[in-house]
């Protein structure tokens, strides 16, 4: 394997690794959002004020009203 091929292979592996890390981060963010929505739904069922639910979950009032 020549120098150019070696560098291309190394760059490709680095790109794949970066993509995996970004995917994990996006997955964690989406998971936290889904958890916040589930919590908001429970709070809404309990009759808590929407403004309080928004403060507690980080969701917007509009998002909670749509649930």
N, C-alpha and C. Protein backbone atom coordinates (compact mmCIF):
# COMPACT_ATOMS: atom_id res chain seq x y z
N UNK A 1 0.86 -1.18 0.00
CA UNK A 1 0.00 0.00 0.00
C UNK A 1 0.90 1.23 0.00
N UNK A 2 0.64 2.13 -0.92
CA UNK A 2 1.43 3.34 -1.00
C UNK A 2 0.98 4.38 0.01
N UNK A 3 1.73 5.45 0.07
CA UNK A 3 1.44 6.53 1.03
C UNK A 3 0.05 7.12 0.80
N UNK A 4 -0.30 7.34 -0.46
CA UNK A 4 -1.60 7.94 -0.76
C UNK A 4 -2.73 7.01 -0.33
N UNK A 5 -2.62 5.74 -0.63
CA UNK A 5 -3.65 4.77 -0.25
C UNK A 5 -3.75 4.68 1.28
N UNK A 6 -2.60 4.68 1.94
CA UNK A 6 -2.58 4.62 3.40
C UNK A 6 -3.31 5.82 4.00
N UNK A 7 -3.01 7.02 3.48
CA UNK A 7 -3.65 8.23 4.00
C UNK A 7 -5.14 8.24 3.72
N UNK A 8 -5.54 7.76 2.55
CA UNK A 8 -6.97 7.68 2.22
C UNK A 8 -7.67 6.69 3.15
N UNK A 9 -7.05 5.55 3.39
CA UNK A 9 -7.62 4.55 4.29
C UNK A 9 -7.76 5.11 5.70
N UNK A 10 -6.74 5.79 6.15
CA UNK A 10 -6.76 6.38 7.50
C UNK A 10 -7.85 7.45 7.60
N UNK A 11 -7.98 8.28 6.57
CA UNK A 11 -9.01 9.32 6.57
C UNK A 11 -10.41 8.70 6.55
N UNK A 12 -10.56 7.62 5.79
CA UNK A 12 -11.86 6.95 5.72
C UNK A 12 -12.25 6.37 7.09
N UNK A 13 -11.29 5.72 7.73
CA UNK A 13 -11.56 5.16 9.06
C UNK A 13 -11.90 6.25 10.06
N UNK A 14 -11.20 7.37 9.98
CA UNK A 14 -11.47 8.49 10.88
C UNK A 14 -12.87 9.04 10.62
N UNK A 15 -13.26 9.12 9.35
CA UNK A 15 -14.60 9.60 9.00
C UNK A 15 -15.68 8.67 9.51
N UNK A 16 -15.46 7.38 9.39
CA UNK A 16 -16.42 6.40 9.90
C UNK A 16 -16.55 6.52 11.41
N UNK A 17 -15.43 6.65 12.10
CA UNK A 17 -15.45 6.80 13.55
C UNK A 17 -16.20 8.06 13.95
N UNK A 18 -15.95 9.16 13.25
CA UNK A 18 -16.64 10.41 13.54
C UNK A 18 -18.13 10.25 13.33
N UNK A 19 -18.52 9.57 12.27
CA UNK A 19 -19.93 9.33 11.99
C UNK A 19 -20.61 8.52 13.08
N UNK A 20 -19.90 7.52 13.60
CA UNK A 20 -20.45 6.70 14.68
C UNK A 20 -20.67 7.54 15.94
N UNK A 21 -19.70 8.39 16.25
CA UNK A 21 -19.81 9.24 17.43
C UNK A 21 -20.98 10.20 17.28
N UNK A 22 -21.09 10.83 16.10
CA UNK A 22 -22.20 11.75 15.86
C UNK A 22 -23.54 11.03 15.95
N UNK A 23 -23.60 9.80 15.45
CA UNK A 23 -24.82 9.01 15.52
C UNK A 23 -25.22 8.70 16.97
N UNK A 24 -24.23 8.38 17.78
CA UNK A 24 -24.51 8.11 19.19
C UNK A 24 -25.04 9.35 19.89
N UNK A 25 -24.44 10.49 19.59
CA UNK A 25 -24.88 11.75 20.21
C UNK A 25 -26.31 12.06 19.80
N UNK A 26 -26.60 11.92 18.51
CA UNK A 26 -27.95 12.19 18.03
C UNK A 26 -28.95 11.23 18.68
N UNK A 27 -28.56 9.98 18.84
CA UNK A 27 -29.43 8.99 19.49
C UNK A 27 -29.73 9.35 20.93
N UNK A 28 -28.71 9.82 21.64
CA UNK A 28 -28.92 10.20 23.04
C UNK A 28 -29.84 11.41 23.13
N UNK A 29 -29.65 12.38 22.23
CA UNK A 29 -30.50 13.57 22.24
C UNK A 29 -31.94 13.17 21.96
N UNK A 30 -32.16 12.32 20.97
CA UNK A 30 -33.51 11.89 20.63
C UNK A 30 -34.12 11.10 21.79
N UNK A 31 -33.32 10.27 22.44
CA UNK A 31 -33.82 9.51 23.59
C UNK A 31 -34.25 10.41 24.73
N UNK A 32 -33.48 11.45 24.99
CA UNK A 32 -33.84 12.39 26.05
C UNK A 32 -35.12 13.14 25.69
N UNK A 33 -35.27 13.48 24.42
CA UNK A 33 -36.48 14.17 23.97
C UNK A 33 -37.71 13.26 24.14
N UNK A 34 -37.57 12.01 23.76
CA UNK A 34 -38.67 11.07 23.92
C UNK A 34 -39.04 10.90 25.39
N UNK A 35 -38.03 10.88 26.25
CA UNK A 35 -38.28 10.77 27.69
C UNK A 35 -39.01 12.01 28.20
N UNK A 36 -38.61 13.19 27.74
CA UNK A 36 -39.27 14.43 28.15
C UNK A 36 -40.73 14.43 27.70
N UNK A 37 -40.99 13.91 26.51
CA UNK A 37 -42.36 13.85 26.02
C UNK A 37 -43.19 12.89 26.87
N UNK A 38 -42.63 11.75 27.22
CA UNK A 38 -43.34 10.78 28.06
C UNK A 38 -43.66 11.39 29.43
N UNK A 39 -42.71 12.09 30.00
CA UNK A 39 -42.92 12.73 31.30
C UNK A 39 -43.99 13.81 31.17
N UNK A 40 -43.92 14.60 30.11
CA UNK A 40 -44.91 15.66 29.90
C UNK A 40 -46.32 15.08 29.77
N UNK A 41 -46.43 13.97 29.08
CA UNK A 41 -47.74 13.32 28.95
C UNK A 41 -48.29 12.91 30.31
N UNK A 42 -47.43 12.34 31.13
CA UNK A 42 -47.88 11.94 32.47
C UNK A 42 -48.29 13.15 33.31
N UNK A 43 -47.50 14.20 33.26
CA UNK A 43 -47.82 15.42 34.01
C UNK A 43 -49.13 16.02 33.51
N UNK A 44 -49.32 15.96 32.19
CA UNK A 44 -50.55 16.51 31.61
C UNK A 44 -51.76 15.70 32.08
N UNK A 45 -51.62 14.37 32.14
CA UNK A 45 -52.70 13.51 32.64
C UNK A 45 -53.01 13.83 34.10
N UNK A 46 -51.99 14.23 34.86
CA UNK A 46 -52.17 14.56 36.27
C UNK A 46 -52.82 15.92 36.46
N UNK A 47 -52.91 16.69 35.38
CA UNK A 47 -53.56 17.99 35.45
C UNK A 47 -52.64 19.13 35.85
N UNK A 48 -51.33 18.93 35.75
CA UNK A 48 -50.40 20.01 36.09
C UNK A 48 -50.51 21.12 35.04
N UNK A 49 -50.28 22.36 35.44
CA UNK A 49 -50.30 23.47 34.49
C UNK A 49 -49.25 23.29 33.39
N UNK A 50 -49.62 23.61 32.18
CA UNK A 50 -48.73 23.42 31.04
C UNK A 50 -47.44 24.22 31.20
N UNK A 51 -47.51 25.41 31.76
CA UNK A 51 -46.31 26.22 31.96
C UNK A 51 -45.33 25.50 32.90
N UNK A 52 -45.86 24.85 33.93
CA UNK A 52 -44.99 24.11 34.84
C UNK A 52 -44.38 22.88 34.16
N UNK A 53 -45.17 22.21 33.33
CA UNK A 53 -44.67 21.06 32.60
C UNK A 53 -43.53 21.49 31.67
N UNK A 54 -43.71 22.63 31.02
CA UNK A 54 -42.68 23.15 30.12
C UNK A 54 -41.39 23.43 30.89
N UNK A 55 -41.52 24.04 32.04
CA UNK A 55 -40.34 24.33 32.85
C UNK A 55 -39.63 23.05 33.28
N UNK A 56 -40.41 22.06 33.66
CA UNK A 56 -39.83 20.82 34.17
C UNK A 56 -39.24 19.91 33.11
N UNK A 57 -39.75 19.99 31.90
CA UNK A 57 -39.29 19.07 30.86
C UNK A 57 -38.39 19.72 29.81
N UNK A 58 -38.43 21.04 29.72
CA UNK A 58 -37.66 21.72 28.69
C UNK A 58 -38.36 21.77 27.35
N UNK A 59 -39.57 21.23 27.28
CA UNK A 59 -40.36 21.29 26.06
C UNK A 59 -41.08 22.64 25.99
N UNK A 60 -41.45 23.05 24.80
CA UNK A 60 -42.17 24.31 24.67
C UNK A 60 -43.65 24.10 25.01
N UNK A 61 -44.30 25.18 25.35
CA UNK A 61 -45.73 25.13 25.66
C UNK A 61 -46.49 24.60 24.45
N UNK A 62 -46.11 25.01 23.26
CA UNK A 62 -46.77 24.56 22.03
C UNK A 62 -46.64 23.04 21.86
N UNK A 63 -45.45 22.52 22.15
CA UNK A 63 -45.24 21.08 22.03
C UNK A 63 -46.13 20.32 23.01
N UNK A 64 -46.22 20.83 24.21
CA UNK A 64 -47.02 20.15 25.24
C UNK A 64 -48.50 20.23 24.90
N UNK A 65 -48.95 21.35 24.38
CA UNK A 65 -50.36 21.48 24.02
C UNK A 65 -50.75 20.49 22.94
N UNK A 66 -49.80 20.13 22.07
CA UNK A 66 -50.08 19.18 20.98
C UNK A 66 -50.15 17.73 21.46
N UNK A 67 -49.68 17.48 22.65
CA UNK A 67 -49.66 16.09 23.16
C UNK A 67 -51.05 15.63 23.54
